[in-house]
């Protein structure tokens, strides 16, 4: 069923989906080709913006200027949940935000800790998002597809829609 969500309802849906998935493919369009890299989302804030850590030595840390267009692609096939977020990325120089986002798990990527001189905060300001979310298990989805094939009626893929975050 199509459910387009607005404002705080859209932001809450975005936050909920990202918290369940956490990992995304951070995707850009460079030199005529699509480039994707896996990233861990640290937070989706009250404005619907996604926050990440990256290193100054990565392509993202070196090439992200002010307002680089990006798409974040989240996927959890086991839960039949998918999310596509478009926006623009910027490196944010904010020690307080770095402190706020830091967790012991971050040390796996930044062994020198939150004071690592190569650690930078990356903010993706969200323009729009679309989601597909089936509350059913794989087995229920499978039987729904079989039923649809037998009866000739379209199966129910679950909820999907646009998230208008403005």
C-alpha atoms as a PDB file:
ATOM      1  CA  UNK A   1       0.000   0.000   0.000  1.00  0.00           C
ATOM      2  CA  UNK A   2       1.355   3.410  -0.911  1.00  0.00           C
ATOM      3  CA  UNK A   3       1.892   5.637   2.118  1.00  0.00           C
ATOM      4  CA  UNK A   4       3.549   8.967   1.452  1.00  0.00           C
ATOM      5  CA  UNK A   5       4.599  10.526   4.735  1.00  0.00           C
ATOM      6  CA  UNK A   6       5.191  14.180   5.560  1.00  0.00           C
ATOM      7  CA  UNK A   7       7.389  16.183   7.945  1.00  0.00           C
ATOM      8  CA  UNK A   8       7.855  14.655  11.429  1.00  0.00           C
ATOM      9  CA  UNK A   9       6.032  11.441  10.471  1.00  0.00           C
ATOM     10  CA  UNK A  10       8.435  11.047   7.521  1.00  0.00           C
ATOM     11  CA  UNK A  11      11.479  11.791   9.685  1.00  0.00           C
ATOM     12  CA  UNK A  12      10.336   9.254  12.303  1.00  0.00           C
ATOM     13  CA  UNK A  13       9.898   6.597   9.600  1.00  0.00           C
ATOM     14  CA  UNK A  14      13.338   7.402   8.176  1.00  0.00           C
ATOM     15  CA  UNK A  15      14.949   7.191  11.619  1.00  0.00           C
ATOM     16  CA  UNK A  16      13.198   3.914  12.392  1.00  0.00           C
ATOM     17  CA  UNK A  17      14.263   2.262   9.135  1.00  0.00           C
ATOM     18  CA  UNK A  18      17.874   3.451   9.377  1.00  0.00           C
ATOM     19  CA  UNK A  19      18.177   2.341  13.016  1.00  0.00           C
ATOM     20  CA  UNK A  20      17.089  -1.160  11.983  1.00  0.00           C
ATOM     21  CA  UNK A  21      19.477  -1.365   9.027  1.00  0.00           C
ATOM     22  CA  UNK A  22      22.417   0.939   9.991  1.00  0.00           C
ATOM     23  CA  UNK A  23      24.608   0.085   6.989  1.00  0.00           C
ATOM     24  CA  UNK A  24      24.176   1.726   3.621  1.00  0.00           C
ATOM     25  CA  UNK A  25      25.866   2.052   0.280  1.00  0.00           C
ATOM     26  CA  UNK A  26      27.024   5.655   0.012  1.00  0.00           C
ATOM     27  CA  UNK A  27      26.643   6.334  -3.688  1.00  0.00           C
ATOM     28  CA  UNK A  28      27.937   9.136  -5.890  1.00  0.00           C
ATOM     29  CA  UNK A  29      28.095   9.773  -9.601  1.00  0.00           C
ATOM     30  CA  UNK A  30      31.699  10.428 -10.621  1.00  0.00           C
ATOM     31  CA  UNK A  31      33.256  10.705 -14.079  1.00  0.00           C
ATOM     32  CA  UNK A  32      30.251   9.202 -15.813  1.00  0.00           C
ATOM     33  CA  UNK A  33      29.877   6.226 -13.484  1.00  0.00           C
ATOM     34  CA  UNK A  34      28.153   5.297 -10.264  1.00  0.00           C
ATOM     35  CA  UNK A  35      30.481   4.657  -7.319  1.00  0.00           C
ATOM     36  CA  UNK A  36      29.311   3.087  -4.054  1.00  0.00           C
ATOM     37  CA  UNK A  37      31.033   2.478  -0.752  1.00  0.00           C
ATOM     38  CA  UNK A  38      29.657   0.859   2.419  1.00  0.00           C
ATOM     39  CA  UNK A  39      29.142   3.224   5.346  1.00  0.00           C
ATOM     40  CA  UNK A  40      27.736   2.921   8.862  1.00  0.00           C
ATOM     41  CA  UNK A  41      25.082   5.471   9.749  1.00  0.00           C
ATOM     42  CA  UNK A  42      25.757   6.814  13.226  1.00  0.00           C
ATOM     43  CA  UNK A  43      22.624   8.926  13.597  1.00  0.00           C
ATOM     44  CA  UNK A  44      19.633  10.373  11.833  1.00  0.00           C
ATOM     45  CA  UNK A  45      18.919  13.667  13.573  1.00  0.00           C
ATOM     46  CA  UNK A  46      15.624  15.465  14.200  1.00  0.00           C
ATOM     47  CA  UNK A  47      15.913  17.166  10.800  1.00  0.00           C
ATOM     48  CA  UNK A  48      16.259  13.849   8.950  1.00  0.00           C
ATOM     49  CA  UNK A  49      19.989  14.340   8.261  1.00  0.00           C
ATOM     50  CA  UNK A  50      22.279  11.301   8.315  1.00  0.00           C
ATOM     51  CA  UNK A  51      25.633  11.447  10.112  1.00  0.00           C
ATOM     52  CA  UNK A  52      28.764   9.366   9.512  1.00  0.00           C
ATOM     53  CA  UNK A  53      32.448   9.202  10.374  1.00  0.00           C
ATOM     54  CA  UNK A  54      35.024   8.953   7.625  1.00  0.00           C
ATOM     55  CA  UNK A  55      38.741   9.450   7.267  1.00  0.00           C
ATOM     56  CA  UNK A  56      40.502  12.327   5.549  1.00  0.00           C
ATOM     57  CA  UNK A  57      42.425   9.613   3.672  1.00  0.00           C
ATOM     58  CA  UNK A  58      39.367   8.080   1.980  1.00  0.00           C
ATOM     59  CA  UNK A  59      37.873   9.244  -1.305  1.00  0.00           C
ATOM     60  CA  UNK A  60      34.881  10.553   0.607  1.00  0.00           C
ATOM     61  CA  UNK A  61      37.052  12.448   3.082  1.00  0.00           C
ATOM     62  CA  UNK A  62      39.210  13.926   0.325  1.00  0.00           C
ATOM     63  CA  UNK A  63      36.605  14.653  -2.338  1.00  0.00           C
ATOM     64  CA  UNK A  64      33.533  15.737  -0.404  1.00  0.00           C
ATOM     65  CA  UNK A  65      33.212  19.431  -0.873  1.00  0.00           C
ATOM     66  CA  UNK A  66      30.291  21.543   0.090  1.00  0.00           C
ATOM     67  CA  UNK A  67      27.173  19.957  -1.264  1.00  0.00           C
ATOM     68  CA  UNK A  68      28.266  16.797  -3.106  1.00  0.00           C
ATOM     69  CA  UNK A  69      25.136  14.984  -4.359  1.00  0.00           C
ATOM     70  CA  UNK A  70      24.800  11.508  -2.850  1.00  0.00           C
ATOM     71  CA  UNK A  71      22.348   8.654  -2.565  1.00  0.00           C
ATOM     72  CA  UNK A  72      22.256   6.393   0.467  1.00  0.00           C
ATOM     73  CA  UNK A  73      20.908   2.932  -0.287  1.00  0.00           C
ATOM     74  CA  UNK A  74      19.780   0.811   2.662  1.00  0.00           C
ATOM     75  CA  UNK A  75      18.702  -2.806   2.301  1.00  0.00           C
ATOM     76  CA  UNK A  76      17.545  -5.463   4.742  1.00  0.00           C
ATOM     77  CA  UNK A  77      16.306  -8.352   2.574  1.00  0.00           C
ATOM     78  CA  UNK A  78      15.602 -10.545   5.609  1.00  0.00           C
ATOM     79  CA  UNK A  79      12.996  -8.029   6.772  1.00  0.00           C
ATOM     80  CA  UNK A  80      11.900  -7.016   3.250  1.00  0.00           C
ATOM     81  CA  UNK A  81      12.896  -3.423   4.038  1.00  0.00           C
ATOM     82  CA  UNK A  82      14.543  -1.042   1.576  1.00  0.00           C
ATOM     83  CA  UNK A  83      15.271   2.670   1.660  1.00  0.00           C
ATOM     84  CA  UNK A  84      16.757   5.130  -0.808  1.00  0.00           C
ATOM     85  CA  UNK A  85      17.794   8.587   0.438  1.00  0.00           C
ATOM     86  CA  UNK A  86      19.046  11.420  -1.747  1.00  0.00           C
ATOM     87  CA  UNK A  87      20.749  14.531  -0.504  1.00  0.00           C
ATOM     88  CA  UNK A  88      24.063  16.321  -0.359  1.00  0.00           C
ATOM     89  CA  UNK A  89      27.117  15.620   1.738  1.00  0.00           C
ATOM     90  CA  UNK A  90      29.412  17.993   3.563  1.00  0.00           C
ATOM     91  CA  UNK A  91      32.338  17.555   5.927  1.00  0.00           C
ATOM     92  CA  UNK A  92      31.466  19.197   9.241  1.00  0.00           C
ATOM     93  CA  UNK A  93      34.163  20.587  11.522  1.00  0.00           C
ATOM     94  CA  UNK A  94      32.442  20.196  14.890  1.00  0.00           C
ATOM     95  CA  UNK A  95      34.264  18.659  17.845  1.00  0.00           C
ATOM     96  CA  UNK A  96      31.066  18.545  19.912  1.00  0.00           C
ATOM     97  CA  UNK A  97      29.281  16.529  17.188  1.00  0.00           C
ATOM     98  CA  UNK A  98      32.286  14.199  16.945  1.00  0.00           C
ATOM     99  CA  UNK A  99      32.077  13.634  20.705  1.00  0.00           C
ATOM    100  CA  UNK A 100      28.305  13.074  20.504  1.00  0.00           C
ATOM    101  CA  UNK A 101      28.590  10.488  17.698  1.00  0.00           C
ATOM    102  CA  UNK A 102      31.583   8.610  19.097  1.00  0.00           C
ATOM    103  CA  UNK A 103      31.036   5.093  20.471  1.00  0.00           C
ATOM    104  CA  UNK A 104      33.450   2.325  21.477  1.00  0.00           C
ATOM    105  CA  UNK A 105      32.592   0.513  18.211  1.00  0.00           C
ATOM    106  CA  UNK A 106      33.992   3.461  16.239  1.00  0.00           C
ATOM    107  CA  UNK A 107      37.422   2.462  17.503  1.00  0.00           C
ATOM    108  CA  UNK A 108      37.333  -0.493  15.081  1.00  0.00           C
ATOM    109  CA  UNK A 109      37.779   1.984  12.209  1.00  0.00           C
ATOM    110  CA  UNK A 110      39.604   4.707  14.117  1.00  0.00           C
ATOM    111  CA  UNK A 111      41.974   2.975  16.571  1.00  0.00           C
ATOM    112  CA  UNK A 112      43.461   6.297  17.698  1.00  0.00           C
ATOM    113  CA  UNK A 113      40.051   7.256  19.074  1.00  0.00           C
ATOM    114  CA  UNK A 114      37.928  10.341  18.656  1.00  0.00           C
ATOM    115  CA  UNK A 115      41.031  12.539  18.725  1.00  0.00           C
ATOM    116  CA  UNK A 116      42.400  10.849  15.586  1.00  0.00           C
ATOM    117  CA  UNK A 117      43.497  13.766  13.345  1.00  0.00           C
ATOM    118  CA  UNK A 118      42.171  11.926  10.282  1.00  0.00           C
ATOM    119  CA  UNK A 119      38.658  11.430  11.701  1.00  0.00           C
ATOM    120  CA  UNK A 120      36.056  13.722  10.151  1.00  0.00           C
ATOM    121  CA  UNK A 121      32.306  14.060  10.559  1.00  0.00           C
ATOM    122  CA  UNK A 122      30.213  13.700   7.416  1.00  0.00           C
ATOM    123  CA  UNK A 123      26.670  15.052   7.242  1.00  0.00           C
ATOM    124  CA  UNK A 124      24.198  14.096   4.531  1.00  0.00           C
ATOM    125  CA  UNK A 125      21.416  16.653   4.355  1.00  0.00           C
ATOM    126  CA  UNK A 126      18.420  14.733   3.083  1.00  0.00           C
ATOM    127  CA  UNK A 127      16.424  16.067   0.141  1.00  0.00           C
ATOM    128  CA  UNK A 128      14.027  13.172  -0.313  1.00  0.00           C
ATOM    129  CA  UNK A 129      13.618   9.505   0.442  1.00  0.00           C
ATOM    130  CA  UNK A 130      11.587   6.520  -0.684  1.00  0.00           C
ATOM    131  CA  UNK A 131      10.949   3.314   1.223  1.00  0.00           C
ATOM    132  CA  UNK A 132       9.588  -0.192   0.759  1.00  0.00           C
ATOM    133  CA  UNK A 133       8.701  -1.965   3.981  1.00  0.00           C
ATOM    134  CA  UNK A 134       6.913  -5.304   4.251  1.00  0.00           C
ATOM    135  CA  UNK A 135       6.010  -6.284   7.797  1.00  0.00           C
ATOM    136  CA  UNK A 136       5.718  -9.914   6.730  1.00  0.00           C
ATOM    137  CA  UNK A 137       8.303 -12.662   6.899  1.00  0.00           C
ATOM    138  CA  UNK A 138       9.831 -14.155   3.756  1.00  0.00           C
ATOM    139  CA  UNK A 139       7.470 -17.121   4.045  1.00  0.00           C
ATOM    140  CA  UNK A 140       4.363 -14.908   4.201  1.00  0.00           C
ATOM    141  CA  UNK A 141       5.611 -12.882   1.222  1.00  0.00           C
ATOM    142  CA  UNK A 142       6.287 -16.092  -0.695  1.00  0.00           C
ATOM    143  CA  UNK A 143       2.771 -17.452  -0.035  1.00  0.00           C
ATOM    144  CA  UNK A 144       1.291 -14.073  -0.958  1.00  0.00           C
ATOM    145  CA  UNK A 145       3.119 -14.260  -4.290  1.00  0.00           C
ATOM    146  CA  UNK A 146       1.947 -17.845  -4.895  1.00  0.00           C
ATOM    147  CA  UNK A 147      -1.635 -16.862  -4.054  1.00  0.00           C
ATOM    148  CA  UNK A 148      -1.404 -13.902  -6.426  1.00  0.00           C
ATOM    149  CA  UNK A 149      -0.058 -16.124  -9.205  1.00  0.00           C
ATOM    150  CA  UNK A 150      -2.878 -18.656  -8.721  1.00  0.00           C
ATOM    151  CA  UNK A 151      -5.722 -16.149  -8.340  1.00  0.00           C
ATOM    152  CA  UNK A 152      -4.465 -13.590 -10.828  1.00  0.00           C
ATOM    153  CA  UNK A 153      -4.666 -10.822  -8.225  1.00  0.00           C
ATOM    154  CA  UNK A 154      -1.631  -8.681  -7.460  1.00  0.00           C
ATOM    155  CA  UNK A 155       0.186  -9.596  -4.248  1.00  0.00           C
ATOM    156  CA  UNK A 156       0.477  -7.114  -1.404  1.00  0.00           C
ATOM    157  CA  UNK A 157       4.122  -6.006  -1.303  1.00  0.00           C
ATOM    158  CA  UNK A 158       3.666  -4.113   1.969  1.00  0.00           C
ATOM    159  CA  UNK A 159       4.029  -0.390   2.489  1.00  0.00           C
ATOM    160  CA  UNK A 160       5.976   1.895   0.220  1.00  0.00           C
ATOM    161  CA  UNK A 161       6.061   5.579  -0.490  1.00  0.00           C
ATOM    162  CA  UNK A 162       7.908   8.859  -0.465  1.00  0.00           C
ATOM    163  CA  UNK A 163       9.213  10.535   2.670  1.00  0.00           C
ATOM    164  CA  UNK A 164       8.812  14.317   2.391  1.00  0.00           C
ATOM    165  CA  UNK A 165      11.177  15.565   5.083  1.00  0.00           C
ATOM    166  CA  UNK A 166      10.748  19.300   4.558  1.00  0.00           C
END
